[in-house]
Amino acid sequence: MLTESEVSRSWARLFKDDSFSTEAFDSAENLLNELRPESPLRHRLLNELEELKKMHASRVEA
């Protein structure tokens, strides 16, 4: 299990270049699974991931 700090750093690297790919989304979900279910960071990143997926979908449709 990773620490919240490690997950935060990895998360930032995944999306630092606005690289929205299936692999990035899969990696992000794997990072979320490393956090405790009650973790505030997990909830925040889960919401962020949903927003990123929406942004990616709107770019693909455009």
C-alpha atoms as a PDB file:
ATOM      1  CA  MET A   1       0.000   0.000   0.000  1.00  0.00           C
ATOM      2  CA  LEU A   2       1.301   3.439  -0.956  1.00  0.00           C
ATOM      3  CA  THR A   3       1.224   6.493   1.273  1.00  0.00           C
ATOM      4  CA  GLU A   4      -0.996   9.444   0.422  1.00  0.00           C
ATOM      5  CA  SER A   5       2.111  11.438  -0.418  1.00  0.00           C
ATOM      6  CA  GLU A   6       3.301   8.807  -2.892  1.00  0.00           C
ATOM      7  CA  VAL A   7      -0.131   8.634  -4.505  1.00  0.00           C
ATOM      8  CA  SER A   8      -0.245  12.446  -4.813  1.00  0.00           C
ATOM      9  CA  ARG A   9       3.144  12.561  -6.546  1.00  0.00           C
ATOM     10  CA  SER A  10       2.271   9.731  -8.901  1.00  0.00           C
ATOM     11  CA  TRP A  11      -1.095  11.313  -9.688  1.00  0.00           C
ATOM     12  CA  ALA A  12       0.535  14.630 -10.565  1.00  0.00           C
ATOM     13  CA  ARG A  13       2.968  12.885 -12.923  1.00  0.00           C
ATOM     14  CA  LEU A  14       0.136  11.037 -14.669  1.00  0.00           C
ATOM     15  CA  PHE A  15      -1.728  14.159 -15.702  1.00  0.00           C
ATOM     16  CA  LYS A  16       0.946  16.885 -15.704  1.00  0.00           C
ATOM     17  CA  ASP A  17       0.939  17.246 -19.499  1.00  0.00           C
ATOM     18  CA  ASP A  18      -2.836  16.940 -19.883  1.00  0.00           C
ATOM     19  CA  SER A  19      -2.173  13.432 -21.167  1.00  0.00           C
ATOM     20  CA  PHE A  20      -5.576  11.831 -21.149  1.00  0.00           C
ATOM     21  CA  SER A  21      -5.219   8.231 -22.242  1.00  0.00           C
ATOM     22  CA  THR A  22      -6.812   4.948 -21.319  1.00  0.00           C
ATOM     23  CA  GLU A  23      -3.521   3.911 -19.722  1.00  0.00           C
ATOM     24  CA  ALA A  24      -3.399   7.079 -17.608  1.00  0.00           C
ATOM     25  CA  PHE A  25      -6.966   6.535 -16.436  1.00  0.00           C
ATOM     26  CA  ASP A  26      -6.223   2.889 -15.599  1.00  0.00           C
ATOM     27  CA  SER A  27      -3.113   3.909 -13.662  1.00  0.00           C
ATOM     28  CA  ALA A  28      -5.109   6.559 -11.810  1.00  0.00           C
ATOM     29  CA  GLU A  29      -7.714   3.993 -10.783  1.00  0.00           C
ATOM     30  CA  ASN A  30      -4.949   1.698  -9.561  1.00  0.00           C
ATOM     31  CA  LEU A  31      -3.554   4.551  -7.473  1.00  0.00           C
ATOM     32  CA  LEU A  32      -6.982   5.165  -5.961  1.00  0.00           C
ATOM     33  CA  ASN A  33      -7.167   1.515  -4.978  1.00  0.00           C
ATOM     34  CA  GLU A  34      -3.968   1.977  -2.973  1.00  0.00           C
ATOM     35  CA  LEU A  35      -5.723   4.410  -0.637  1.00  0.00           C
ATOM     36  CA  ARG A  36      -7.990   3.554   2.271  1.00  0.00           C
ATOM     37  CA  PRO A  37     -11.690   3.781   1.346  1.00  0.00           C
ATOM     38  CA  GLU A  38     -12.254   6.496   3.963  1.00  0.00           C
ATOM     39  CA  SER A  39      -9.285   8.613   2.853  1.00  0.00           C
ATOM     40  CA  PRO A  40     -10.210  12.224   2.033  1.00  0.00           C
ATOM     41  CA  LEU A  41      -7.528  12.186  -0.654  1.00  0.00           C
ATOM     42  CA  ARG A  42      -9.177   9.174  -2.260  1.00  0.00           C
ATOM     43  CA  HIS A  43     -12.519  10.983  -2.414  1.00  0.00           C
ATOM     44  CA  ARG A  44     -10.935  14.140  -3.846  1.00  0.00           C
ATOM     45  CA  LEU A  45      -8.983  12.257  -6.499  1.00  0.00           C
ATOM     46  CA  LEU A  46     -11.977  10.114  -7.396  1.00  0.00           C
ATOM     47  CA  ASN A  47     -13.962  13.274  -8.132  1.00  0.00           C
ATOM     48  CA  GLU A  48     -11.025  14.710 -10.066  1.00  0.00           C
ATOM     49  CA  LEU A  49     -10.746  11.540 -12.135  1.00  0.00           C
ATOM     50  CA  GLU A  50     -14.416  11.743 -13.082  1.00  0.00           C
ATOM     51  CA  GLU A  51     -13.915  15.350 -14.210  1.00  0.00           C
ATOM     52  CA  LEU A  52     -10.832  14.405 -16.234  1.00  0.00           C
ATOM     53  CA  LYS A  53     -12.748  11.613 -17.936  1.00  0.00           C
ATOM     54  CA  LYS A  54     -15.513  14.075 -18.848  1.00  0.00           C
ATOM     55  CA  MET A  55     -12.954  16.508 -20.258  1.00  0.00           C
ATOM     56  CA  HIS A  56     -11.358  13.733 -22.274  1.00  0.00           C
ATOM     57  CA  ALA A  57     -14.724  12.599 -23.620  1.00  0.00           C
ATOM     58  CA  SER A  58     -15.614  16.126 -24.720  1.00  0.00           C
ATOM     59  CA  ARG A  59     -12.255  16.483 -26.512  1.00  0.00           C
ATOM     60  CA  VAL A  60     -12.751  13.173 -28.314  1.00  0.00           C
ATOM     61  CA  GLU A  61     -16.254  14.157 -29.430  1.00  0.00           C
ATOM     62  CA  ALA A  62     -15.121  17.575 -30.705  1.00  0.00           C
END
